[in-house]
Amino acid sequence: MKAVIVTGGKQYVVSVGDTIYVEKIDGEPGDKVIFNQVLLCDDKVGNPYLNGVTVEGEIVKNGKNKKIRIFTYKSKDRSNRRTQGHRQPYTQVVIKAIKG
């Protein structure tokens, strides 16, 4: 059984046993998470979401991705060069059940 869920502004295709990395969710490792914004479950399509269908998961860990470098500049102007870094926080979730 497969489902398409929405979390953190992104859509994920999941099935039972999958491990996904989503935008940071408040919670500790071992906590249960319920995704109730389900767009598709097998052949059932919602408009926009399916009623009565939920996907349950368990938080494995919270962390940060690798650092990315952001370099901005304006051509022909030596004084406007700037380097930044960013590490996006994430939550690793294991899908336990799809109900509905």
Protein backbone atom coordinates (compact mmCIF):
# COMPACT_ATOMS: atom_id res chain seq x y z
CA MET A 1 0.00 0.00 0.00
CA LYS A 2 1.36 3.38 -1.00
CA ALA A 3 0.29 6.88 -0.04
CA VAL A 4 1.23 10.44 -0.92
CA ILE A 5 1.50 12.73 2.12
CA VAL A 6 2.13 16.45 2.50
CA THR A 7 4.41 17.78 5.24
CA GLY A 8 6.64 20.82 5.39
CA GLY A 9 5.33 22.08 2.05
CA LYS A 10 6.59 18.99 0.21
CA GLN A 11 4.95 15.79 -1.03
CA TYR A 12 6.33 12.33 -0.26
CA VAL A 13 5.40 8.93 -1.68
CA VAL A 14 5.53 6.49 1.23
CA SER A 15 4.80 2.87 2.04
CA VAL A 16 5.08 0.92 5.28
CA GLY A 17 8.70 0.54 6.39
CA ASP A 18 10.05 3.51 4.41
CA THR A 19 12.47 5.98 6.00
CA ILE A 20 11.97 9.60 4.94
CA TYR A 21 13.69 12.86 5.77
CA VAL A 22 11.21 15.71 6.29
CA GLU A 23 11.36 19.31 7.45
CA LYS A 24 11.96 19.54 11.20
CA ILE A 25 9.07 18.29 13.36
CA ASP A 26 8.92 19.08 17.07
CA GLY A 27 9.40 15.86 19.00
CA GLU A 28 11.93 13.52 20.50
CA PRO A 29 13.23 10.26 18.99
CA GLY A 30 10.70 7.52 19.70
CA ASP A 31 7.66 9.85 19.51
CA LYS A 32 4.83 8.92 17.15
CA VAL A 33 3.84 11.27 14.34
CA ILE A 34 0.51 11.22 12.51
CA PHE A 35 0.28 12.68 9.00
CA ASN A 36 -3.37 13.43 8.23
CA GLN A 37 -2.83 15.39 5.00
CA VAL A 38 -2.98 12.44 2.59
CA LEU A 39 -3.44 13.23 -1.10
CA LEU A 40 -3.52 9.70 -2.49
CA CYS A 41 -3.85 6.22 -1.03
CA ASP A 42 -3.50 3.44 -3.62
CA ASP A 43 -6.17 4.46 -6.16
CA LYS A 44 -8.26 6.74 -3.93
CA VAL A 45 -7.70 10.41 -4.83
CA GLY A 46 -8.71 13.24 -2.50
CA ASN A 47 -9.84 16.74 -3.32
CA PRO A 48 -7.54 18.09 -1.90
CA TYR A 49 -7.13 15.58 0.97
CA LEU A 50 -8.65 12.18 1.74
CA ASN A 51 -10.99 12.04 4.74
CA GLY A 52 -10.34 9.37 7.36
CA VAL A 53 -6.94 8.31 6.00
CA THR A 54 -3.85 8.77 8.17
CA VAL A 55 -0.22 7.73 7.97
CA GLU A 56 1.58 6.93 11.22
CA GLY A 57 5.31 7.24 11.67
CA GLU A 58 7.95 7.25 14.38
CA ILE A 59 10.69 9.85 14.78
CA VAL A 60 14.14 8.25 14.56
CA LYS A 61 16.30 11.35 14.96
CA ASN A 62 16.55 15.10 14.48
CA GLY A 63 19.61 16.59 12.83
CA LYS A 64 21.08 19.05 10.34
CA ASN A 65 22.07 18.52 6.72
CA LYS A 66 25.51 19.28 5.33
CA LYS A 67 26.47 22.93 5.14
CA ILE A 68 25.88 24.70 1.85
CA ARG A 69 27.81 27.78 0.79
CA ILE A 70 25.95 30.82 -0.53
CA PHE A 71 28.08 33.34 -2.41
CA THR A 72 26.52 36.58 -3.65
CA TYR A 73 28.17 39.38 -5.53
CA LYS A 74 27.54 42.23 -7.89
CA SER A 75 29.65 42.24 -11.03
CA LYS A 76 32.14 45.05 -11.49
CA ASP A 77 31.85 46.03 -7.82
CA ARG A 78 34.55 44.57 -5.57
CA SER A 79 32.94 45.65 -2.28
CA ASN A 80 29.67 43.66 -2.61
CA ARG A 81 30.96 40.11 -2.20
CA ARG A 82 29.46 38.04 0.60
CA THR A 83 29.66 34.40 1.66
CA GLN A 84 27.09 32.71 3.87
CA GLY A 85 26.52 29.17 5.07
CA HIS A 86 23.32 27.31 5.93
CA ARG A 87 22.47 23.94 7.50
CA GLN A 88 18.84 22.91 7.08
CA PRO A 89 17.33 21.02 10.06
CA TYR A 90 15.53 17.74 9.31
CA THR A 91 13.68 14.92 11.04
CA GLN A 92 14.14 11.27 10.06
CA VAL A 93 10.83 9.38 10.21
CA VAL A 94 10.06 5.67 9.72
CA ILE A 95 6.57 4.94 8.40
CA LYS A 96 4.81 2.39 10.61
CA ALA A 97 1.23 2.17 9.28
CA ILE A 98 -1.17 3.51 6.67
CA LYS A 99 -4.75 3.51 7.97
CA GLY A 100 -7.80 4.09 5.87
